[in-house]
Amino acid sequence: MTLSELLDACGNPQSPHHRRAWQIFMDRYRKVIYYHVLERCKSWNVARLKMQFRETVDDIVGDVFRVLCEREFRALQSFRERDNELRFQRYLITICQNAVSHYIKKHLMKYTDLSQWELNQTVIEMEFDTRCQLYEFVVQKLRVSRQKLPKNFERDIHIYMLYVWGDFDKEMIAAHPCYRGRITPKVVYNVVHRMRNLLRESP
């Protein structure tokens, strides 16, 4: 069955080949869908995702098939290049990526985590000079957020920037040679929480 015939039959419940077409579709593309959902999930640094990784991947794969079937199979019917296998697989990959992003943002991330992830993604895509300028801007906002700076404030800025900018987790920061034996992961957590509040409250 050609790709065009497969999409036509899958997207038409009245077709006598509808059930067989979906069996063929599953044989051809389930592994592709599962692989790209899996790889996309690996790229997200979200604690709750790591704790329930396989269950999340399975749920998102199910979401992808639901997207393909909902609104009377609109996702399949709207694909135009019906004889282009490469383009169709890219189309499926895009659906997989969108499904992963939607699921994780909706079910696994708090607002503060979402803001941090989006900041990390923005920083990765920036030119080096722009990253330096934004770094200095955030540091300056933190420094002027308090009239009287508490003890260890400069240390706390560095910890916060490692956590947000460098994508270090609490354990990595606590084990860093600059802080080893002086702070614990719990201290890092408290510092990050305090700095986030200062940024929210700063003018």
C-alpha atoms as a PDB file:
ATOM      1  CA  MET A   1       0.000   0.000   0.000  1.00  0.00           C
ATOM      2  CA  THR A   2       1.448   3.362  -1.037  1.00  0.00           C
ATOM      3  CA  LEU A   3       1.666   6.245   1.391  1.00  0.00           C
ATOM      4  CA  SER A   4      -1.172   8.072  -0.332  1.00  0.00           C
ATOM      5  CA  GLU A   5      -3.412   4.988  -0.240  1.00  0.00           C
ATOM      6  CA  LEU A   6      -2.485   4.402   3.391  1.00  0.00           C
ATOM      7  CA  LEU A   7      -3.356   7.952   4.450  1.00  0.00           C
ATOM      8  CA  ASP A   8      -6.625   7.847   2.515  1.00  0.00           C
ATOM      9  CA  ALA A   9      -7.683   4.583   4.132  1.00  0.00           C
ATOM     10  CA  CYS A  10      -6.564   5.573   7.634  1.00  0.00           C
ATOM     11  CA  GLY A  11      -8.420   8.856   7.358  1.00  0.00           C
ATOM     12  CA  ASN A  12     -11.672   7.356   6.131  1.00  0.00           C
ATOM     13  CA  PRO A  13     -13.567   5.145   8.608  1.00  0.00           C
ATOM     14  CA  GLN A  14     -15.946   4.132   5.816  1.00  0.00           C
ATOM     15  CA  SER A  15     -13.144   2.600   3.791  1.00  0.00           C
ATOM     16  CA  PRO A  16     -13.178  -1.229   3.715  1.00  0.00           C
ATOM     17  CA  HIS A  17      -9.416  -1.023   4.221  1.00  0.00           C
ATOM     18  CA  HIS A  18      -9.582   1.273   7.261  1.00  0.00           C
ATOM     19  CA  ARG A  19      -8.673  -1.312   9.923  1.00  0.00           C
ATOM     20  CA  ARG A  20      -5.969  -2.974   7.829  1.00  0.00           C
ATOM     21  CA  ALA A  21      -4.535   0.432   6.939  1.00  0.00           C
ATOM     22  CA  TRP A  22      -4.111   1.267  10.627  1.00  0.00           C
ATOM     23  CA  GLN A  23      -2.369  -2.030  11.224  1.00  0.00           C
ATOM     24  CA  ILE A  24       0.047  -1.171   8.420  1.00  0.00           C
ATOM     25  CA  PHE A  25       0.435   2.351   9.786  1.00  0.00           C
ATOM     26  CA  MET A  26       1.346   1.000  13.219  1.00  0.00           C
ATOM     27  CA  ASP A  27       3.866  -1.415  11.713  1.00  0.00           C
ATOM     28  CA  ARG A  28       5.519   1.336   9.702  1.00  0.00           C
ATOM     29  CA  TYR A  29       5.500   4.291  12.064  1.00  0.00           C
ATOM     30  CA  ARG A  30       5.017   3.270  15.684  1.00  0.00           C
ATOM     31  CA  LYS A  31       8.765   2.785  16.219  1.00  0.00           C
ATOM     32  CA  VAL A  32       9.478   6.113  14.506  1.00  0.00           C
ATOM     33  CA  ILE A  33       6.988   7.901  16.742  1.00  0.00           C
ATOM     34  CA  TYR A  34       8.220   6.178  19.897  1.00  0.00           C
ATOM     35  CA  TYR A  35      11.874   6.926  19.104  1.00  0.00           C
ATOM     36  CA  HIS A  36      11.332  10.647  18.519  1.00  0.00           C
ATOM     37  CA  VAL A  37       9.119  11.062  21.573  1.00  0.00           C
ATOM     38  CA  LEU A  38      11.772   9.288  23.632  1.00  0.00           C
ATOM     39  CA  GLU A  39      14.624  11.428  22.302  1.00  0.00           C
ATOM     40  CA  ARG A  40      12.655  14.643  22.723  1.00  0.00           C
ATOM     41  CA  CYS A  41      11.845  13.765  26.326  1.00  0.00           C
ATOM     42  CA  LYS A  42      15.550  13.184  27.013  1.00  0.00           C
ATOM     43  CA  SER A  43      16.271  16.787  26.022  1.00  0.00           C
ATOM     44  CA  TRP A  44      14.088  18.181  28.840  1.00  0.00           C
ATOM     45  CA  ASN A  45      15.718  18.741  32.228  1.00  0.00           C
ATOM     46  CA  VAL A  46      12.631  18.314  34.432  1.00  0.00           C
ATOM     47  CA  ALA A  47      12.854  16.458  37.736  1.00  0.00           C
ATOM     48  CA  ARG A  48       9.334  15.025  37.630  1.00  0.00           C
ATOM     49  CA  LEU A  49       9.919  13.731  34.102  1.00  0.00           C
ATOM     50  CA  LYS A  50      13.008  11.816  35.232  1.00  0.00           C
ATOM     51  CA  MET A  51      11.020  10.156  38.020  1.00  0.00           C
ATOM     52  CA  GLN A  52       8.323   8.839  35.667  1.00  0.00           C
ATOM     53  CA  PHE A  53      10.138   8.785  32.356  1.00  0.00           C
ATOM     54  CA  ARG A  54       8.819   5.590  30.727  1.00  0.00           C
ATOM     55  CA  GLU A  55       5.230   6.262  31.788  1.00  0.00           C
ATOM     56  CA  THR A  56       5.462   9.767  30.344  1.00  0.00           C
ATOM     57  CA  VAL A  57       6.866   8.531  27.035  1.00  0.00           C
ATOM     58  CA  ASP A  58       4.034   5.993  26.729  1.00  0.00           C
ATOM     59  CA  ASP A  59       1.434   8.653  27.538  1.00  0.00           C
ATOM     60  CA  ILE A  60       2.844  11.038  24.934  1.00  0.00           C
ATOM     61  CA  VAL A  61       2.959   8.336  22.264  1.00  0.00           C
ATOM     62  CA  GLY A  62      -0.727   7.814  22.983  1.00  0.00           C
ATOM     63  CA  ASP A  63      -1.264  11.562  22.643  1.00  0.00           C
ATOM     64  CA  VAL A  64       0.416  11.540  19.234  1.00  0.00           C
ATOM     65  CA  PHE A  65      -1.979   8.873  17.959  1.00  0.00           C
ATOM     66  CA  ARG A  66      -4.893  10.791  19.439  1.00  0.00           C
ATOM     67  CA  VAL A  67      -3.780  13.900  17.520  1.00  0.00           C
ATOM     68  CA  LEU A  68      -3.651  11.830  14.338  1.00  0.00           C
ATOM     69  CA  CYS A  69      -7.187  10.539  14.894  1.00  0.00           C
ATOM     70  CA  GLU A  70      -9.032  13.503  16.385  1.00  0.00           C
ATOM     71  CA  ARG A  71     -11.363  15.780  14.416  1.00  0.00           C
ATOM     72  CA  GLU A  72     -12.082  12.997  11.939  1.00  0.00           C
ATOM     73  CA  PHE A  73      -8.406  12.268  11.217  1.00  0.00           C
ATOM     74  CA  ARG A  74      -7.743  15.856  10.226  1.00  0.00           C
ATOM     75  CA  ALA A  75      -3.973  15.601  10.799  1.00  0.00           C
ATOM     76  CA  LEU A  76      -3.735  12.786   8.256  1.00  0.00           C
ATOM     77  CA  GLN A  77      -6.152  14.317   5.773  1.00  0.00           C
ATOM     78  CA  SER A  78      -4.463  17.721   5.831  1.00  0.00           C
ATOM     79  CA  PHE A  79      -1.015  16.375   4.916  1.00  0.00           C
ATOM     80  CA  ARG A  80      -0.538  17.475   1.320  1.00  0.00           C
ATOM     81  CA  GLU A  81       2.559  15.754  -0.054  1.00  0.00           C
ATOM     82  CA  ARG A  82       0.911  12.380   0.099  1.00  0.00           C
ATOM     83  CA  ASP A  83       3.525  10.516  -1.921  1.00  0.00           C
ATOM     84  CA  ASN A  84       6.560  11.964  -0.134  1.00  0.00           C
ATOM     85  CA  GLU A  85       7.630   9.498   2.546  1.00  0.00           C
ATOM     86  CA  LEU A  86      10.475  11.664   3.850  1.00  0.00           C
ATOM     87  CA  ARG A  87       8.230  14.706   4.280  1.00  0.00           C
ATOM     88  CA  PHE A  88       5.600  12.603   6.023  1.00  0.00           C
ATOM     89  CA  GLN A  89       8.106  11.307   8.538  1.00  0.00           C
ATOM     90  CA  ARG A  90       9.253  14.872   9.211  1.00  0.00           C
ATOM     91  CA  TYR A  91       5.589  15.793   9.677  1.00  0.00           C
ATOM     92  CA  LEU A  92       5.230  13.015  12.240  1.00  0.00           C
ATOM     93  CA  ILE A  93       8.386  14.175  14.033  1.00  0.00           C
ATOM     94  CA  THR A  94       6.948  17.699  14.314  1.00  0.00           C
ATOM     95  CA  ILE A  95       3.755  16.280  15.815  1.00  0.00           C
ATOM     96  CA  CYS A  96       5.861  14.265  18.271  1.00  0.00           C
ATOM     97  CA  GLN A  97       7.881  17.307  19.332  1.00  0.00           C
ATOM     98  CA  ASN A  98       4.762  19.420  19.841  1.00  0.00           C
ATOM     99  CA  ALA A  99       3.091  16.645  21.828  1.00  0.00           C
ATOM    100  CA  VAL A 100       6.115  16.338  24.138  1.00  0.00           C
ATOM    101  CA  SER A 101       6.280  20.082  24.774  1.00  0.00           C
ATOM    102  CA  HIS A 102       2.547  20.327  25.420  1.00  0.00           C
ATOM    103  CA  TYR A 103       2.455  17.351  27.773  1.00  0.00           C
ATOM    104  CA  ILE A 104       5.468  18.334  29.869  1.00  0.00           C
ATOM    105  CA  LYS A 105       4.433  21.967  30.215  1.00  0.00           C
ATOM    106  CA  LYS A 106       0.879  20.976  31.138  1.00  0.00           C
ATOM    107  CA  HIS A 107       1.502  18.045  33.462  1.00  0.00           C
ATOM    108  CA  LEU A 108       5.077  18.076  34.766  1.00  0.00           C
ATOM    109  CA  MET A 109       6.269  21.638  35.139  1.00  0.00           C
ATOM    110  CA  LYS A 110       5.488  24.344  37.649  1.00  0.00           C
ATOM    111  CA  TYR A 111       5.487  27.946  36.433  1.00  0.00           C
ATOM    112  CA  THR A 112       8.924  28.617  37.898  1.00  0.00           C
ATOM    113  CA  ASP A 113      10.348  25.527  36.185  1.00  0.00           C
ATOM    114  CA  LEU A 114       8.815  26.612  32.893  1.00  0.00           C
ATOM    115  CA  SER A 115      10.338  30.062  33.171  1.00  0.00           C
ATOM    116  CA  GLN A 116      13.736  28.576  33.935  1.00  0.00           C
ATOM    117  CA  TRP A 117      13.566  26.122  31.008  1.00  0.00           C
ATOM    118  CA  GLU A 118      12.505  28.829  28.582  1.00  0.00           C
ATOM    119  CA  LEU A 119      15.324  31.058  29.850  1.00  0.00           C
ATOM    120  CA  ASN A 120      17.815  28.227  29.318  1.00  0.00           C
ATOM    121  CA  GLN A 121      16.556  27.644  25.759  1.00  0.00           C
ATOM    122  CA  THR A 122      16.774  31.377  25.014  1.00  0.00           C
ATOM    123  CA  VAL A 123      20.315  31.565  26.351  1.00  0.00           C
ATOM    124  CA  ILE A 124      21.438  28.563  24.275  1.00  0.00           C
ATOM    125  CA  GLU A 125      20.228  30.259  21.086  1.00  0.00           C
ATOM    126  CA  MET A 126      21.826  33.645  21.856  1.00  0.00           C
ATOM    127  CA  GLU A 127      25.092  34.986  20.528  1.00  0.00           C
ATOM    128  CA  PHE A 128      27.900  35.046  23.108  1.00  0.00           C
ATOM    129  CA  ASP A 129      27.925  38.864  23.474  1.00  0.00           C
ATOM    130  CA  THR A 130      24.167  38.926  23.997  1.00  0.00           C
ATOM    131  CA  ARG A 131      24.397  36.213  26.644  1.00  0.00           C
ATOM    132  CA  CYS A 132      27.032  38.236  28.500  1.00  0.00           C
ATOM    133  CA  GLN A 133      24.838  41.339  28.418  1.00  0.00           C
ATOM    134  CA  LEU A 134      21.802  39.464  29.690  1.00  0.00           C
ATOM    135  CA  TYR A 135      23.882  37.841  32.420  1.00  0.00           C
ATOM    136  CA  GLU A 136      25.091  41.256  33.600  1.00  0.00           C
ATOM    137  CA  PHE A 137      21.538  42.599  33.492  1.00  0.00           C
ATOM    138  CA  VAL A 138      20.190  39.801  35.726  1.00  0.00           C
ATOM    139  CA  VAL A 139      23.080  40.152  38.167  1.00  0.00           C
ATOM    140  CA  GLN A 140      22.521  43.911  38.356  1.00  0.00           C
ATOM    141  CA  LYS A 141      18.794  43.399  39.006  1.00  0.00           C
ATOM    142  CA  LEU A 142      19.644  41.083  41.879  1.00  0.00           C
ATOM    143  CA  ARG A 143      22.181  43.474  43.381  1.00  0.00           C
ATOM    144  CA  VAL A 144      19.837  46.460  43.379  1.00  0.00           C
ATOM    145  CA  SER A 145      16.884  44.439  44.651  1.00  0.00           C
ATOM    146  CA  ARG A 146      18.043  44.961  48.252  1.00  0.00           C
ATOM    147  CA  GLN A 147      19.191  48.224  49.821  1.00  0.00           C
ATOM    148  CA  LYS A 148      21.270  46.354  52.357  1.00  0.00           C
ATOM    149  CA  LEU A 149      22.848  43.219  50.956  1.00  0.00           C
ATOM    150  CA  PRO A 150      22.786  40.239  53.314  1.00  0.00           C
ATOM    151  CA  LYS A 151      25.812  38.135  54.120  1.00  0.00           C
ATOM    152  CA  ASN A 152      26.836  35.746  51.309  1.00  0.00           C
ATOM    153  CA  PHE A 153      24.727  37.661  48.783  1.00  0.00           C
ATOM    154  CA  GLU A 154      27.410  37.547  46.068  1.00  0.00           C
ATOM    155  CA  ARG A 155      27.838  33.821  46.691  1.00  0.00           C
ATOM    156  CA  ASP A 156      24.095  33.368  46.339  1.00  0.00           C
ATOM    157  CA  ILE A 157      24.105  35.197  43.009  1.00  0.00           C
ATOM    158  CA  HIS A 158      26.753  32.816  41.704  1.00  0.00           C
ATOM    159  CA  ILE A 159      24.816  29.783  42.939  1.00  0.00           C
ATOM    160  CA  TYR A 160      21.626  31.041  41.321  1.00  0.00           C
ATOM    161  CA  MET A 161      23.334  31.725  38.003  1.00  0.00           C
ATOM    162  CA  LEU A 162      24.971  28.292  37.995  1.00  0.00           C
ATOM    163  CA  TYR A 163      21.574  26.725  38.588  1.00  0.00           C
ATOM    164  CA  VAL A 164      19.718  28.752  35.950  1.00  0.00           C
ATOM    165  CA  TRP A 165      22.450  29.625  33.465  1.00  0.00           C
ATOM    166  CA  GLY A 166      24.722  26.627  33.683  1.00  0.00           C
ATOM    167  CA  ASP A 167      21.963  24.027  34.125  1.00  0.00           C
ATOM    168  CA  PHE A 168      23.714  22.677  37.242  1.00  0.00           C
ATOM    169  CA  ASP A 169      21.492  20.720  39.608  1.00  0.00           C
ATOM    170  CA  LYS A 170      21.576  21.143  43.404  1.00  0.00           C
ATOM    171  CA  GLU A 171      23.929  18.201  43.954  1.00  0.00           C
ATOM    172  CA  MET A 172      26.383  19.388  41.297  1.00  0.00           C
ATOM    173  CA  ILE A 173      26.591  22.850  42.841  1.00  0.00           C
ATOM    174  CA  ALA A 174      27.025  21.493  46.374  1.00  0.00           C
ATOM    175  CA  ALA A 175      29.862  19.262  45.094  1.00  0.00           C
ATOM    176  CA  HIS A 176      31.582  22.103  43.187  1.00  0.00           C
ATOM    177  CA  PRO A 177      35.160  22.726  44.452  1.00  0.00           C
ATOM    178  CA  CYS A 178      34.191  26.302  45.439  1.00  0.00           C
ATOM    179  CA  TYR A 179      31.395  25.096  47.716  1.00  0.00           C
ATOM    180  CA  ARG A 180      32.231  21.502  48.644  1.00  0.00           C
ATOM    181  CA  GLY A 181      31.855  20.971  52.374  1.00  0.00           C
ATOM    182  CA  ARG A 182      30.383  24.454  52.871  1.00  0.00           C
ATOM    183  CA  ILE A 183      26.844  24.064  51.537  1.00  0.00           C
ATOM    184  CA  THR A 184      24.343  21.260  51.003  1.00  0.00           C
ATOM    185  CA  PRO A 185      21.787  20.685  48.220  1.00  0.00           C
ATOM    186  CA  LYS A 186      19.145  22.012  50.632  1.00  0.00           C
ATOM    187  CA  VAL A 187      21.066  25.284  50.923  1.00  0.00           C
ATOM    188  CA  VAL A 188      21.204  25.524  47.127  1.00  0.00           C
ATOM    189  CA  TYR A 189      17.443  24.988  46.934  1.00  0.00           C
ATOM    190  CA  ASN A 190      16.825  27.773  49.462  1.00  0.00           C
ATOM    191  CA  VAL A 191      19.184  30.145  47.655  1.00  0.00           C
ATOM    192  CA  VAL A 192      17.509  29.572  44.270  1.00  0.00           C
ATOM    193  CA  HIS A 193      14.055  30.034  45.780  1.00  0.00           C
ATOM    194  CA  ARG A 194      15.099  33.266  47.513  1.00  0.00           C
ATOM    195  CA  MET A 195      16.704  34.691  44.362  1.00  0.00           C
ATOM    196  CA  ARG A 196      13.645  33.921  42.251  1.00  0.00           C
ATOM    197  CA  ASN A 197      11.499  35.831  44.701  1.00  0.00           C
ATOM    198  CA  LEU A 198      13.881  38.789  44.584  1.00  0.00           C
ATOM    199  CA  LEU A 199      13.695  38.908  40.789  1.00  0.00           C
ATOM    200  CA  ARG A 200       9.909  38.757  40.859  1.00  0.00           C
ATOM    201  CA  GLU A 201       9.738  41.602  43.376  1.00  0.00           C
ATOM    202  CA  SER A 202      12.365  43.809  41.735  1.00  0.00           C
ATOM    203  CA  PRO A 203      11.091  46.819  39.719  1.00  0.00           C
END
